[in-house]
N, C-alpha and C. Protein backbone atom coordinates (compact mmCIF):
# COMPACT_ATOMS: atom_id res chain seq x y z
N UNK A 1 172.14 35.27 7.07
CA UNK A 1 172.06 34.60 5.34
C UNK A 1 171.40 32.79 5.90
N UNK A 2 170.21 32.90 5.34
CA UNK A 2 169.45 31.81 5.36
C UNK A 2 170.00 30.27 4.61
N UNK A 3 170.80 30.71 3.94
CA UNK A 3 171.46 29.88 2.77
C UNK A 3 172.90 29.08 3.42
N UNK A 4 172.88 27.68 3.40
CA UNK A 4 173.75 26.93 4.38
C UNK A 4 174.15 25.69 3.45
N UNK A 5 174.92 25.68 2.72
CA UNK A 5 176.08 24.72 1.82
C UNK A 5 175.89 23.39 2.64
N UNK A 6 175.56 21.99 1.53
CA UNK A 6 175.54 21.35 2.12
C UNK A 6 177.12 20.02 2.18
N UNK A 7 177.22 19.35 2.53
CA UNK A 7 178.52 18.37 2.95
C UNK A 7 179.52 19.48 2.77
N UNK A 8 180.54 19.11 1.88
CA UNK A 8 181.75 19.95 1.80
C UNK A 8 182.20 21.00 1.09
N UNK A 9 180.55 21.66 0.48
CA UNK A 9 180.83 22.92 0.36
C UNK A 9 180.88 24.28 1.10
N UNK A 10 181.12 25.18 0.19
CA UNK A 10 181.57 26.50 0.75
C UNK A 10 180.63 27.58 0.02
N UNK A 11 180.60 28.47 0.36
CA UNK A 11 179.75 29.56 -0.27
C UNK A 11 180.34 31.20 0.01
N UNK A 12 181.35 31.65 -0.83
CA UNK A 12 182.14 32.63 -0.84
C UNK A 12 181.92 33.99 -1.69
N UNK A 13 181.77 34.78 -1.09
CA UNK A 13 181.21 36.58 -1.42
C UNK A 13 182.85 36.54 -1.67
N UNK A 14 182.32 37.13 -3.60
CA UNK A 14 183.68 37.34 -4.10
C UNK A 14 183.95 38.56 -4.59
N UNK A 15 185.40 39.04 -3.91
CA UNK A 15 186.13 40.41 -3.93
C UNK A 15 185.97 40.97 -5.08
N UNK A 16 185.42 42.15 -5.45
CA UNK A 16 185.65 42.80 -6.59
C UNK A 16 187.33 42.85 -7.07
N UNK A 17 187.48 42.76 -7.97
CA UNK A 17 188.94 43.00 -8.89
C UNK A 17 189.07 44.52 -8.84
N UNK A 18 190.62 45.25 -9.26
CA UNK A 18 190.82 46.13 -9.11
C UNK A 18 189.62 46.93 -10.07
N UNK A 19 189.30 48.32 -10.13
CA UNK A 19 188.56 48.89 -11.72
C UNK A 19 189.40 49.61 -12.43
N UNK A 20 190.53 49.94 -11.53
CA UNK A 20 191.64 50.84 -12.24
C UNK A 20 192.97 50.33 -12.27
N UNK A 21 194.06 51.01 -13.28
CA UNK A 21 195.11 50.35 -13.19
C UNK A 21 196.20 51.37 -12.25
N UNK A 22 197.24 50.71 -12.10
CA UNK A 22 197.83 52.30 -11.34
C UNK A 22 198.15 53.37 -12.01
N UNK A 23 198.43 53.56 -13.52
CA UNK A 23 198.24 54.47 -14.25
C UNK A 23 196.96 55.45 -14.72
N UNK A 24 195.63 54.69 -13.80
CA UNK A 24 194.51 55.20 -13.79
C UNK A 24 193.38 54.81 -14.94
N UNK A 25 194.21 54.23 -15.60
CA UNK A 25 193.10 53.40 -17.13
C UNK A 25 192.15 52.54 -16.08
N UNK A 26 190.74 52.91 -16.73
CA UNK A 26 189.78 51.82 -16.43
C UNK A 26 189.75 50.74 -16.61
N UNK A 27 189.51 49.82 -16.27
CA UNK A 27 189.33 48.26 -16.78
C UNK A 27 187.72 47.83 -16.93
N UNK A 28 187.35 47.30 -17.89
CA UNK A 28 185.95 47.10 -18.65
C UNK A 28 185.76 45.91 -18.00
N UNK A 29 184.79 45.60 -17.46
CA UNK A 29 184.19 44.19 -17.13
C UNK A 29 184.17 43.07 -17.80
N UNK A 30 184.36 43.35 -19.02
CA UNK A 30 184.61 42.25 -20.22
C UNK A 30 186.30 41.41 -20.05
N UNK A 31 186.92 42.93 -19.80
CA UNK A 31 188.71 42.47 -19.98
C UNK A 31 189.18 41.98 -18.35
N UNK A 32 188.48 42.05 -17.36
CA UNK A 32 188.82 42.12 -16.18
C UNK A 32 188.91 40.22 -15.49
N UNK A 33 189.70 39.79 -15.14
CA UNK A 33 189.88 38.13 -14.99
C UNK A 33 189.09 38.07 -13.82
N UNK A 34 188.57 36.70 -13.74
CA UNK A 34 187.71 36.48 -12.59
C UNK A 34 188.55 36.24 -11.53
N UNK A 35 187.93 37.10 -10.22
CA UNK A 35 188.51 37.32 -8.74
C UNK A 35 189.35 35.87 -8.72
N UNK A 36 190.20 35.75 -7.60
CA UNK A 36 190.67 34.53 -7.15
C UNK A 36 190.86 34.92 -5.23
N UNK A 37 189.80 35.43 -5.22
CA UNK A 37 189.62 35.88 -3.72
C UNK A 37 188.48 35.78 -2.90
N UNK A 38 187.98 35.81 -1.75
CA UNK A 38 186.73 36.11 -1.80
C UNK A 38 186.55 35.30 -0.24
N UNK A 39 185.71 36.00 0.29
CA UNK A 39 185.22 35.78 2.35
C UNK A 39 184.30 34.43 2.17
N UNK A 40 184.85 33.79 2.86
CA UNK A 40 183.72 32.77 3.45
C UNK A 40 182.71 32.88 4.30
N UNK A 41 181.25 33.05 4.02
CA UNK A 41 180.16 33.09 3.87
C UNK A 41 179.52 32.18 5.00
N UNK A 42 179.67 31.28 4.60
CA UNK A 42 179.03 29.97 4.85
C UNK A 42 179.64 28.80 4.37
N UNK A 43 179.64 27.87 5.55
CA UNK A 43 180.50 26.20 5.47
C UNK A 43 178.93 25.05 5.55
N UNK A 44 179.59 24.44 4.84
CA UNK A 44 178.90 23.07 4.99
C UNK A 44 178.95 22.53 6.31
N UNK A 45 178.61 21.32 7.03
CA UNK A 45 179.01 19.95 7.89
C UNK A 45 180.30 19.64 7.54
N UNK A 46 180.52 19.21 6.63
CA UNK A 46 181.61 18.74 6.05
C UNK A 46 181.46 17.06 5.50
N UNK A 47 182.52 16.76 4.63
CA UNK A 47 182.53 15.67 3.51
C UNK A 47 181.98 14.21 4.60
N UNK A 48 181.73 13.63 4.19
CA UNK A 48 180.85 11.85 4.61
C UNK A 48 181.92 10.76 4.20
N UNK A 49 182.82 9.96 5.22
CA UNK A 49 183.85 9.44 4.68
C UNK A 49 182.52 7.77 4.43
N UNK A 50 183.17 7.28 4.01
CA UNK A 50 182.39 5.67 3.47
C UNK A 50 181.60 4.71 4.74
N UNK A 51 182.73 5.82 5.75
CA UNK A 51 181.48 4.77 6.71
C UNK A 51 180.53 5.39 7.65
N UNK A 52 180.76 6.65 7.27
CA UNK A 52 179.42 7.40 7.68
C UNK A 52 179.91 8.57 8.74
N UNK A 53 181.02 8.72 8.87
CA UNK A 53 182.25 9.97 9.52
C UNK A 53 181.56 10.73 9.00
N UNK A 54 181.86 12.11 9.41
CA UNK A 54 181.90 13.29 8.87
C UNK A 54 183.28 14.13 9.50
N UNK A 55 184.08 14.42 8.24
CA UNK A 55 185.33 14.98 7.98
C UNK A 55 185.12 16.59 8.57
N UNK A 56 185.69 17.39 9.34
CA UNK A 56 185.39 18.15 9.74
C UNK A 56 185.98 19.26 8.78
N UNK A 57 185.29 20.36 8.24
CA UNK A 57 185.78 21.77 7.10
C UNK A 57 187.02 22.33 7.95
N UNK A 58 187.72 22.84 7.20
CA UNK A 58 188.95 23.37 7.60
C UNK A 58 188.96 24.76 7.60
N UNK A 59 187.70 25.31 6.67
CA UNK A 59 187.64 26.89 6.79
C UNK A 59 186.37 27.05 7.60
N UNK A 60 186.94 28.22 7.84
CA UNK A 60 185.34 29.12 8.52
C UNK A 60 184.74 29.96 8.31
N UNK A 61 183.59 30.38 8.73
CA UNK A 61 182.97 31.90 8.09
C UNK A 61 184.03 32.80 8.66
N UNK A 62 184.30 33.93 7.61
CA UNK A 62 184.95 35.38 7.51
C UNK A 62 186.73 34.91 7.31
N UNK A 63 186.77 33.92 7.31
CA UNK A 63 188.20 33.36 6.52
C UNK A 63 188.33 33.95 4.91
N UNK A 64 189.07 34.97 4.72
CA UNK A 64 189.36 34.88 3.36
C UNK A 64 190.42 34.31 2.55
N UNK A 65 189.76 33.12 1.48
CA UNK A 65 190.27 32.38 0.84
C UNK A 65 190.96 32.50 -0.64
N UNK A 66 191.62 31.84 -0.65
CA UNK A 66 192.22 31.82 -2.53
C UNK A 66 191.33 30.46 -3.16
N UNK A 67 191.20 30.61 -4.11
CA UNK A 67 190.67 29.40 -5.23
C UNK A 67 191.03 29.75 -6.58
N UNK A 68 190.60 28.92 -7.41
CA UNK A 68 191.18 28.98 -8.59
C UNK A 68 190.43 29.55 -9.76
N UNK A 69 190.72 29.91 -10.76
CA UNK A 69 189.97 31.55 -11.72
C UNK A 69 188.84 30.56 -12.16
N UNK A 70 188.54 29.44 -12.06
CA UNK A 70 187.56 28.93 -12.97
C UNK A 70 186.73 27.90 -11.68
N UNK A 71 187.31 28.04 -10.63
CA UNK A 71 186.65 27.04 -9.41
C UNK A 71 185.08 27.49 -9.17
N UNK A 72 184.34 26.68 -8.68
CA UNK A 72 183.26 26.90 -7.93
C UNK A 72 181.72 27.20 -8.90
N UNK A 73 180.83 27.62 -8.50
CA UNK A 73 179.67 28.06 -9.67
C UNK A 73 179.06 29.24 -9.10
N UNK A 74 179.06 30.32 -9.82
CA UNK A 74 178.41 31.33 -9.40
C UNK A 74 177.00 31.68 -9.30
N UNK A 75 176.60 32.18 -8.12
CA UNK A 75 175.22 32.29 -7.75
C UNK A 75 174.68 33.72 -7.39
N UNK A 76 173.61 33.97 -7.38
CA UNK A 76 173.05 35.19 -7.15
C UNK A 76 171.87 35.25 -5.66
N UNK A 77 172.29 35.76 -5.05
CA UNK A 77 171.38 35.33 -3.32
C UNK A 77 171.14 36.44 -2.71
N UNK A 78 169.74 36.62 -2.50
CA UNK A 78 169.36 37.95 -1.95
C UNK A 78 170.37 39.59 -3.04
N UNK A 79 170.09 39.26 -4.15
CA UNK A 79 171.00 40.20 -4.99
C UNK A 79 172.34 40.42 -4.88
N UNK A 80 172.97 39.42 -3.96
CA UNK A 80 174.68 39.45 -4.17
C UNK A 80 175.22 38.52 -4.90
N UNK A 81 176.56 38.86 -5.27
CA UNK A 81 176.94 37.36 -6.29
C UNK A 81 178.35 36.89 -5.12
N UNK A 82 177.91 35.62 -5.30
CA UNK A 82 178.39 34.42 -4.33
C UNK A 82 179.41 33.40 -5.34
N UNK A 83 179.77 32.87 -4.98
CA UNK A 83 180.56 31.30 -5.75
C UNK A 83 180.27 30.50 -4.37
N UNK A 84 179.63 29.55 -5.16
CA UNK A 84 179.69 28.19 -4.39
C UNK A 84 180.56 27.02 -4.76
N UNK A 85 181.36 26.42 -4.10
CA UNK A 85 182.21 25.46 -4.28
C UNK A 85 182.96 24.29 -3.19
N UNK A 86 183.24 23.25 -3.46
CA UNK A 86 183.87 22.40 -2.45
C UNK A 86 184.86 23.40 -1.98
N UNK A 87 185.38 22.44 -0.60
CA UNK A 87 186.27 22.76 0.19
C UNK A 87 187.84 22.87 -0.46
N UNK A 88 187.67 21.25 -1.34
CA UNK A 88 189.04 21.30 -2.19
C UNK A 88 189.62 21.77 -3.09
N UNK A 89 188.51 22.81 -3.56
CA UNK A 89 189.06 23.73 -4.74
C UNK A 89 189.40 25.29 -3.95
N UNK A 90 189.58 25.35 -2.70
CA UNK A 90 190.23 26.33 -2.08
C UNK A 90 191.82 25.90 -1.66
N UNK A 91 192.65 27.00 -2.39
CA UNK A 91 194.24 26.47 -2.17
C UNK A 91 194.69 26.83 -1.06
N UNK A 92 193.93 27.65 -0.51
CA UNK A 92 194.56 28.31 1.07
C UNK A 92 193.62 29.23 1.67
N UNK A 93 193.89 29.34 2.83
CA UNK A 93 193.44 31.07 3.56
C UNK A 93 194.63 31.85 3.70
N UNK A 94 194.23 32.59 3.33
CA UNK A 94 195.24 34.24 3.14
C UNK A 94 194.90 35.10 4.60
N UNK A 95 194.07 35.22 4.95
CA UNK A 95 193.38 35.59 6.49
C UNK A 95 192.04 35.52 6.98
N UNK A 96 192.19 35.04 8.61
CA UNK A 96 191.40 34.45 9.94
C UNK A 96 190.65 35.53 10.25
N UNK A 97 189.29 35.80 10.30
CA UNK A 97 188.92 36.84 11.31
C UNK A 97 188.55 36.42 12.73
N UNK A 98 189.09 36.79 13.62
CA UNK A 98 188.83 36.47 14.79
C UNK A 98 187.91 36.78 15.37
């Protein structure tokens, strides 16, 4: 991917939510809640402090992260849906790829 977020921003590929309930009912797009999990695809270099030092990022490419329902800005890059958000909008890492 040729896109690189700046500073303390993270590019996340949003995971698709369940399309069907356990009883087999199909959920339309309009009734789905915004997914709250995704995979980190790209990270910026880190936040810059007032004295010019860069604070390293806690997340890395490949991490599966949890974030708030309305966090970030949705964008389309190479016909794929992503979300760009600040690292501080991420609540935690659920899995890390090694």
